[in-house]
Amino acid sequence: MLKLILLFVLVSTGGTANAAEEFLYRAYHYKSTVENGCASEADALAQKLALETGVEVVGGACAFDSYTDQTTLVVRYRADVELNLVSTYNPARYLVPNSFYKSQDACLASYDRDLAIFKEQTGLEPFVSYCAQRTQHDSLGWYVHIDAFGTAQRIPQFVGWYSSQVYGMTFAEFYQAISQKLSNAGYPLSHLAWRPSVAHNSVSVQVWREPTQEELELRSEVLLTVPGLEVCQALADDIASQLGTRSDVFHLASYCTSPYSGPRHFDLVTVTNVVVTRVNYSAEKYHSKSECDLQLGSMLQQQRVLHGDRVLAGVCGLPRYQASSSHGYRGVFLLK
């Protein structure tokens, strides 16, 4: 009797542990190549999934998204554990753009390049790859959609920050500077785009990181307004030098953009990995920048008495939204 009970427990436990669960795989933003032929393409994708991964497929179907005017192919499958998907699209982070091309033609022209980068960075063979439109409401709405299964050497990450158009350097120079900084920090860059928008202009990038590596966080901050591009660029170099001494801050860039106050004035923008920053202004104001510069050391000391190590950097300039020198020059301090 005891042997029968033990045998029943072993069989029951083994059956529960090995029971397969059901999961869904979705190929997002798929554009059918056959009119009203999506169902057959979903079936073909289901068969491909079974053949290449060995999972038990339940079936394939199509889902239409009226917002993007695109179709998603969906495959339901059974397995002990969910397949580890590595993709150039993450629906959980829809608001972070992963698209960098203006049109399908532009996407197709870069298709081979993007596919080669994916293979090199992940070390995986793509399961599906095609040009897709993430949204119709973005001037750069197209991207190369690539899905693969397995453990990747590196995975794609998309991140961005608010920024108007950069002045004082070409796009190629800006790309090279950003690429070098990200590569040195362990985040190889494969895409960078400036995205004009009615609400907020922005810069978006695609980097690659190891699965266990910390996600890259970036935030831009407008420090001050400066009359003249040369003065702004000199201050950008000064800020970069100060932030470069901080071991607790990753300084990606400091550069000049054109503000709303007019083309003869420029905003000094800094981009770091400090997610929450703020800008403090000195109570003291001076008739000229040179007068302010003479007192900057003592003003920095006062800020550090109040805020300690939270003070990241300080320069002299015109507070934002007070672009006229009649308002006076003040010490401007970036805090975390």
Protein backbone atom coordinates (compact mmCIF):
# COMPACT_ATOMS: atom_id res chain seq x y z
CA MET A 1 0.00 0.00 0.00
CA LEU A 2 2.85 2.37 0.90
CA LYS A 3 4.56 1.68 -2.47
CA LEU A 4 1.36 2.55 -4.35
CA ILE A 5 0.98 5.87 -2.50
CA LEU A 6 4.61 6.85 -3.19
CA LEU A 7 4.23 5.96 -6.87
CA PHE A 8 1.07 8.10 -7.12
CA VAL A 9 2.84 11.13 -5.55
CA LEU A 10 5.82 10.81 -7.90
CA VAL A 11 3.69 10.55 -11.01
CA SER A 12 1.44 13.44 -9.97
CA THR A 13 4.34 15.73 -9.09
CA GLY A 14 6.19 14.95 -12.30
CA GLY A 15 3.11 15.61 -14.41
CA THR A 16 2.54 19.02 -12.81
CA ALA A 17 6.16 20.15 -13.14
CA ASN A 18 6.32 19.31 -16.85
CA ALA A 19 2.96 20.77 -17.84
CA ALA A 20 3.44 23.20 -20.73
CA GLU A 21 2.04 26.73 -20.52
CA GLU A 22 0.61 28.83 -23.35
CA PHE A 23 2.30 32.01 -24.57
CA LEU A 24 1.85 34.54 -27.37
CA TYR A 25 4.44 35.72 -29.86
CA ARG A 26 3.59 38.92 -31.75
CA ALA A 27 5.21 40.21 -34.93
CA TYR A 28 4.27 43.90 -34.64
CA HIS A 29 3.59 46.40 -37.44
CA TYR A 30 3.51 43.72 -40.11
CA LYS A 31 2.48 44.88 -43.58
CA SER A 32 0.80 42.06 -45.49
CA THR A 33 2.17 41.41 -48.96
CA VAL A 34 -1.01 39.65 -50.11
CA GLU A 35 -4.41 41.36 -50.25
CA ASN A 36 -6.67 39.74 -47.66
CA GLY A 37 -4.01 37.09 -47.21
CA CYS A 38 -3.00 37.83 -43.63
CA ALA A 39 -4.45 34.58 -42.25
CA SER A 40 -2.22 32.46 -44.49
CA GLU A 41 0.81 34.57 -43.52
CA ALA A 42 -0.01 34.07 -39.82
CA ASP A 43 -0.23 30.30 -40.40
CA ALA A 44 3.12 30.36 -42.20
CA LEU A 45 4.67 32.28 -39.31
CA ALA A 46 3.27 29.74 -36.83
CA GLN A 47 4.81 26.87 -38.79
CA LYS A 48 8.13 28.72 -38.95
CA LEU A 49 8.07 29.25 -35.17
CA ALA A 50 7.45 25.55 -34.55
CA LEU A 51 10.17 24.49 -36.98
CA GLU A 52 12.89 26.85 -35.74
CA THR A 53 12.24 26.79 -31.98
CA GLY A 54 10.67 23.36 -31.41
CA VAL A 55 7.69 24.72 -29.47
CA GLU A 56 4.20 23.27 -29.88
CA VAL A 57 2.13 25.76 -31.87
CA VAL A 58 -1.60 26.14 -31.18
CA GLY A 59 -2.27 28.46 -34.14
CA GLY A 60 -1.74 31.84 -35.77
CA ALA A 61 -4.05 34.83 -36.31
CA CYS A 62 -4.04 38.52 -37.27
CA ALA A 63 -4.86 41.64 -35.28
CA PHE A 64 -5.43 45.06 -36.89
CA ASP A 65 -4.48 48.38 -35.23
CA SER A 66 -6.49 51.28 -36.65
CA TYR A 67 -4.16 53.86 -35.04
CA THR A 68 -1.09 52.73 -36.97
CA ASP A 69 -3.03 51.16 -39.86
CA GLN A 70 -0.82 48.12 -39.36
CA THR A 71 -1.38 44.43 -38.67
CA THR A 72 0.17 42.32 -35.95
CA LEU A 73 0.68 38.61 -36.58
CA VAL A 74 -0.01 36.63 -33.42
CA VAL A 75 1.07 33.04 -32.73
CA ARG A 76 -0.09 31.08 -29.69
CA TYR A 77 2.29 28.33 -28.59
CA ARG A 78 2.90 25.90 -25.73
CA ALA A 79 6.22 25.52 -23.95
CA ASP A 80 7.67 24.89 -20.50
CA VAL A 81 9.06 28.46 -20.49
CA GLU A 82 8.40 31.49 -22.67
CA LEU A 83 10.78 32.04 -25.56
CA ASN A 84 13.30 34.82 -24.85
CA LEU A 85 12.52 37.47 -27.45
CA VAL A 86 15.08 40.08 -28.54
CA SER A 87 13.46 42.77 -30.68
CA THR A 88 13.98 46.24 -32.14
CA TYR A 89 10.46 47.08 -30.91
CA ASN A 90 9.28 47.23 -27.31
CA PRO A 91 5.51 47.86 -26.94
CA ALA A 92 5.97 48.61 -23.25
CA ARG A 93 8.01 51.70 -24.19
CA TYR A 94 5.91 52.96 -27.08
CA LEU A 95 6.49 56.63 -26.22
CA VAL A 96 10.27 56.22 -26.68
CA PRO A 97 10.69 56.28 -30.49
CA ASN A 98 12.45 53.33 -32.07
CA SER A 99 11.95 54.60 -35.63
CA PHE A 100 14.50 56.63 -37.58
CA TYR A 101 13.38 56.69 -41.24
CA LYS A 102 11.10 59.08 -43.11
CA SER A 103 9.72 56.52 -45.56
CA GLN A 104 9.60 52.87 -46.48
CA ASP A 105 12.13 53.53 -49.24
CA ALA A 106 14.57 55.09 -46.76
CA CYS A 107 14.08 52.11 -44.47
CA LEU A 108 14.70 49.61 -47.27
CA ALA A 109 17.88 51.47 -48.23
CA SER A 110 19.26 50.89 -44.71
CA TYR A 111 17.76 47.43 -44.22
CA ASP A 112 21.00 45.46 -44.81
CA ARG A 113 22.97 47.81 -42.55
CA ASP A 114 20.52 47.48 -39.65
CA LEU A 115 20.31 43.72 -40.07
CA ALA A 116 24.11 43.38 -39.99
CA ILE A 117 24.33 45.56 -36.84
CA PHE A 118 21.65 43.46 -35.12
CA LYS A 119 23.51 40.22 -35.88
CA GLU A 120 26.84 41.66 -34.76
CA GLN A 121 25.54 43.14 -31.50
CA THR A 122 23.20 40.32 -30.43
CA GLY A 123 25.06 37.31 -31.83
CA LEU A 124 21.64 35.92 -32.85
CA GLU A 125 20.11 34.93 -36.17
CA PRO A 126 16.93 36.96 -36.89
CA PHE A 127 13.65 35.03 -36.86
CA VAL A 128 11.80 37.73 -38.82
CA SER A 129 12.93 41.07 -40.27
CA TYR A 130 11.06 43.65 -42.34
CA CYS A 131 10.56 47.40 -42.72
CA ALA A 132 7.68 48.58 -40.55
CA GLN A 133 5.86 51.80 -39.76
CA ARG A 134 5.63 52.39 -36.02
CA THR A 135 3.18 55.25 -36.42
CA GLN A 136 1.83 57.63 -39.04
CA HIS A 137 2.06 60.52 -36.56
CA ASP A 138 5.85 60.83 -36.66
CA SER A 139 7.92 62.27 -39.52
CA LEU A 140 10.44 59.52 -38.76
CA GLY A 141 7.93 56.70 -38.38
CA TRP A 142 9.70 53.83 -40.18
CA TYR A 143 12.17 51.31 -38.73
CA VAL A 144 13.64 47.88 -39.44
CA HIS A 145 11.69 45.45 -37.27
CA ILE A 146 13.86 42.51 -36.24
CA ASP A 147 12.92 39.67 -33.88
CA ALA A 148 15.20 36.88 -32.67
CA PHE A 149 15.04 34.25 -29.95
CA GLY A 150 17.81 33.33 -27.53
CA THR A 151 20.33 34.87 -25.16
CA ALA A 152 21.81 38.00 -26.73
CA GLN A 153 25.29 39.41 -26.21
CA ARG A 154 23.72 42.87 -26.32
CA ILE A 155 20.14 44.10 -26.56
CA PRO A 156 18.82 47.30 -28.17
CA GLN A 157 17.72 50.24 -26.06
CA PHE A 158 16.06 53.45 -27.22
CA VAL A 159 16.42 56.66 -25.27
CA GLY A 160 16.04 60.37 -25.96
CA TRP A 161 15.91 63.89 -24.58
CA TYR A 162 14.21 67.20 -25.36
CA SER A 163 16.29 69.50 -27.54
CA SER A 164 15.93 72.16 -30.20
CA GLN A 165 18.25 72.15 -33.21
CA VAL A 166 21.96 72.17 -32.42
CA TYR A 167 24.06 75.17 -33.50
CA GLY A 168 27.82 75.48 -33.91
CA MET A 169 28.41 71.99 -35.33
CA THR A 170 27.20 69.89 -38.24
CA PHE A 171 24.94 66.89 -37.73
CA ALA A 172 27.88 64.61 -38.59
CA GLU A 173 30.05 66.28 -35.93
CA PHE A 174 27.25 66.04 -33.37
CA TYR A 175 26.69 62.36 -34.22
CA GLN A 176 30.40 61.60 -33.91
CA ALA A 177 30.71 63.37 -30.54
CA ILE A 178 27.66 61.58 -29.10
CA SER A 179 28.74 58.24 -30.56
CA GLN A 180 32.23 58.52 -29.03
CA LYS A 181 30.90 59.39 -25.58
CA LEU A 182 28.35 56.55 -25.59
CA SER A 183 30.86 54.02 -26.90
CA ASN A 184 33.37 54.96 -24.18
CA ALA A 185 30.61 54.43 -21.59
CA GLY A 186 29.84 50.95 -22.98
CA TYR A 187 26.75 51.80 -25.06
CA PRO A 188 27.56 51.47 -28.79
CA LEU A 189 25.38 53.80 -30.89
CA SER A 190 23.64 52.73 -34.09
CA HIS A 191 21.07 55.52 -34.66
CA LEU A 192 20.66 59.18 -33.77
CA ALA A 193 17.94 61.52 -35.03
CA TRP A 194 16.71 65.03 -34.32
CA ARG A 195 12.91 64.94 -34.26
CA PRO A 196 11.03 68.20 -34.91
CA SER A 197 7.64 68.40 -33.24
CA VAL A 198 4.89 70.95 -32.65
CA ALA A 199 5.02 70.29 -28.90
CA HIS A 200 8.61 69.29 -28.04
CA ASN A 201 11.59 68.93 -30.34
CA SER A 202 13.80 66.04 -29.28
CA VAL A 203 16.82 63.88 -29.99
CA SER A 204 16.42 60.10 -30.02
CA VAL A 205 19.13 57.44 -30.12
CA GLN A 206 19.45 53.68 -30.36
CA VAL A 207 22.22 52.09 -28.30
CA TRP A 208 23.19 48.53 -27.43
CA ARG A 209 23.81 47.27 -23.91
CA GLU A 210 24.57 43.97 -22.24
CA PRO A 211 21.46 42.34 -20.69
CA THR A 212 22.87 42.79 -17.17
CA GLN A 213 24.09 46.32 -17.85
CA GLU A 214 22.23 49.24 -16.29
CA GLU A 215 19.69 50.89 -18.57
CA LEU A 216 20.89 54.19 -19.95
CA GLU A 217 18.94 57.20 -18.62
CA LEU A 218 19.40 60.65 -20.19
CA ARG A 219 17.93 64.05 -19.37
CA SER A 220 18.50 67.47 -20.91
CA GLU A 221 18.48 70.74 -18.99
CA VAL A 222 18.52 74.29 -20.36
CA LEU A 223 20.92 76.14 -18.07
CA LEU A 224 20.84 79.68 -19.38
CA THR A 225 20.47 81.99 -22.37
CA VAL A 226 23.53 83.58 -23.96
CA PRO A 227 23.83 86.51 -26.42
CA GLY A 228 26.20 85.11 -29.03
CA LEU A 229 27.14 81.64 -30.25
CA GLU A 230 30.86 81.90 -29.41
CA VAL A 231 30.14 82.79 -25.79
CA CYS A 232 27.62 79.92 -25.57
CA GLN A 233 30.11 77.40 -26.98
CA ALA A 234 32.79 78.56 -24.52
CA LEU A 235 30.35 78.06 -21.63
CA ALA A 236 29.39 74.63 -23.00
CA ASP A 237 33.07 73.63 -22.89
CA ASP A 238 33.33 74.98 -19.34
CA ILE A 239 30.30 72.99 -18.17
CA ALA A 240 31.63 69.85 -19.89
CA SER A 241 34.96 70.28 -18.11
CA GLN A 242 33.31 70.65 -14.69
CA LEU A 243 30.95 67.69 -15.16
CA GLY A 244 33.80 65.58 -16.51
CA THR A 245 35.40 65.58 -13.05
CA ARG A 246 32.34 63.98 -11.43
CA SER A 247 32.55 60.20 -11.02
CA ASP A 248 28.85 60.05 -10.10
CA VAL A 249 27.63 61.74 -13.31
CA PHE A 250 27.74 60.59 -16.93
CA HIS A 251 27.97 63.78 -18.99
CA LEU A 252 26.95 63.08 -22.56
CA ALA A 253 26.96 66.54 -24.12
CA SER A 254 26.77 70.29 -23.64
CA TYR A 255 25.84 72.37 -26.67
CA CYS A 256 23.94 75.43 -27.93
CA THR A 257 20.44 75.64 -29.37
CA SER A 258 18.35 78.53 -30.63
CA PRO A 259 15.72 79.61 -28.06
CA TYR A 260 12.37 81.29 -28.56
CA SER A 261 13.92 84.69 -27.73
CA GLY A 262 15.49 85.05 -31.17
CA PRO A 263 18.35 83.94 -33.41
CA ARG A 264 20.96 86.22 -31.79
CA HIS A 265 20.56 84.42 -28.49
CA PHE A 266 21.34 80.80 -27.70
CA ASP A 267 20.31 78.36 -24.99
CA LEU A 268 23.03 76.33 -23.31
CA VAL A 269 21.84 72.72 -22.99
CA THR A 270 23.50 69.97 -21.01
CA VAL A 271 22.66 66.25 -21.23
CA THR A 272 23.50 63.87 -18.37
CA ASN A 273 22.25 60.64 -16.83
CA VAL A 274 20.95 62.52 -13.78
CA VAL A 275 17.21 61.90 -14.08
CA VAL A 276 16.14 64.72 -11.76
CA THR A 277 18.05 68.01 -11.99
CA ARG A 278 17.30 71.63 -11.23
CA VAL A 279 18.85 74.99 -12.02
CA ASN A 280 19.57 77.58 -9.30
CA TYR A 281 20.35 81.25 -9.91
CA SER A 282 22.37 83.51 -7.64
CA ALA A 283 20.59 86.33 -5.86
CA GLU A 284 23.45 88.61 -6.87
CA LYS A 285 23.39 90.11 -10.36
CA TYR A 286 26.09 91.94 -12.31
CA HIS A 287 26.22 94.40 -15.19
CA SER A 288 28.56 92.25 -17.25
CA LYS A 289 29.62 88.63 -17.55
CA SER A 290 33.21 89.51 -16.66
CA GLU A 291 32.06 91.05 -13.35
CA CYS A 292 30.02 87.92 -12.64
CA ASP A 293 32.97 85.65 -13.51
CA LEU A 294 35.13 87.37 -10.88
CA GLN A 295 32.61 86.41 -8.18
CA LEU A 296 31.74 82.93 -9.53
CA GLY A 297 34.11 81.11 -7.14
CA SER A 298 32.55 82.62 -4.03
CA MET A 299 29.03 82.04 -5.38
CA LEU A 300 29.86 78.38 -6.06
CA GLN A 301 31.13 78.08 -2.50
CA GLN A 302 27.86 79.53 -1.17
CA GLN A 303 25.84 77.05 -3.25
CA ARG A 304 27.91 74.13 -1.91
CA VAL A 305 27.36 75.33 1.68
CA LEU A 306 23.61 75.16 1.01
CA HIS A 307 23.43 72.05 -1.19
CA GLY A 308 26.69 70.18 -0.68
CA ASP A 309 27.70 67.62 -3.29
CA ARG A 310 24.41 68.11 -5.17
CA VAL A 311 25.99 71.11 -6.92
CA LEU A 312 27.28 69.74 -10.22
CA ALA A 313 28.56 72.84 -12.01
CA GLY A 314 28.27 76.61 -12.21
CA VAL A 315 28.80 79.37 -14.80
CA CYS A 316 27.79 82.99 -15.33
CA GLY A 317 25.08 83.98 -17.78
CA LEU A 318 21.58 85.30 -18.32
CA PRO A 319 18.77 83.33 -16.63
CA ARG A 320 16.45 81.55 -19.01
CA TYR A 321 13.59 83.75 -20.30
CA GLN A 322 15.66 86.85 -19.35
CA ALA A 323 17.75 87.09 -22.50
CA SER A 324 18.39 90.85 -22.22
CA SER A 325 21.52 91.97 -20.39
CA SER A 326 19.37 94.66 -18.73
CA HIS A 327 18.17 91.90 -16.40
CA GLY A 328 21.76 91.38 -15.25
CA TYR A 329 24.17 88.45 -15.29
CA ARG A 330 23.85 85.86 -12.53
CA GLY A 331 25.56 82.74 -11.35
CA VAL A 332 23.78 79.72 -12.85
CA PHE A 333 24.17 76.38 -11.06
CA LEU A 334 23.16 72.86 -12.06
CA LEU A 335 22.04 70.70 -9.13
CA LYS A 336 21.00 67.07 -8.84
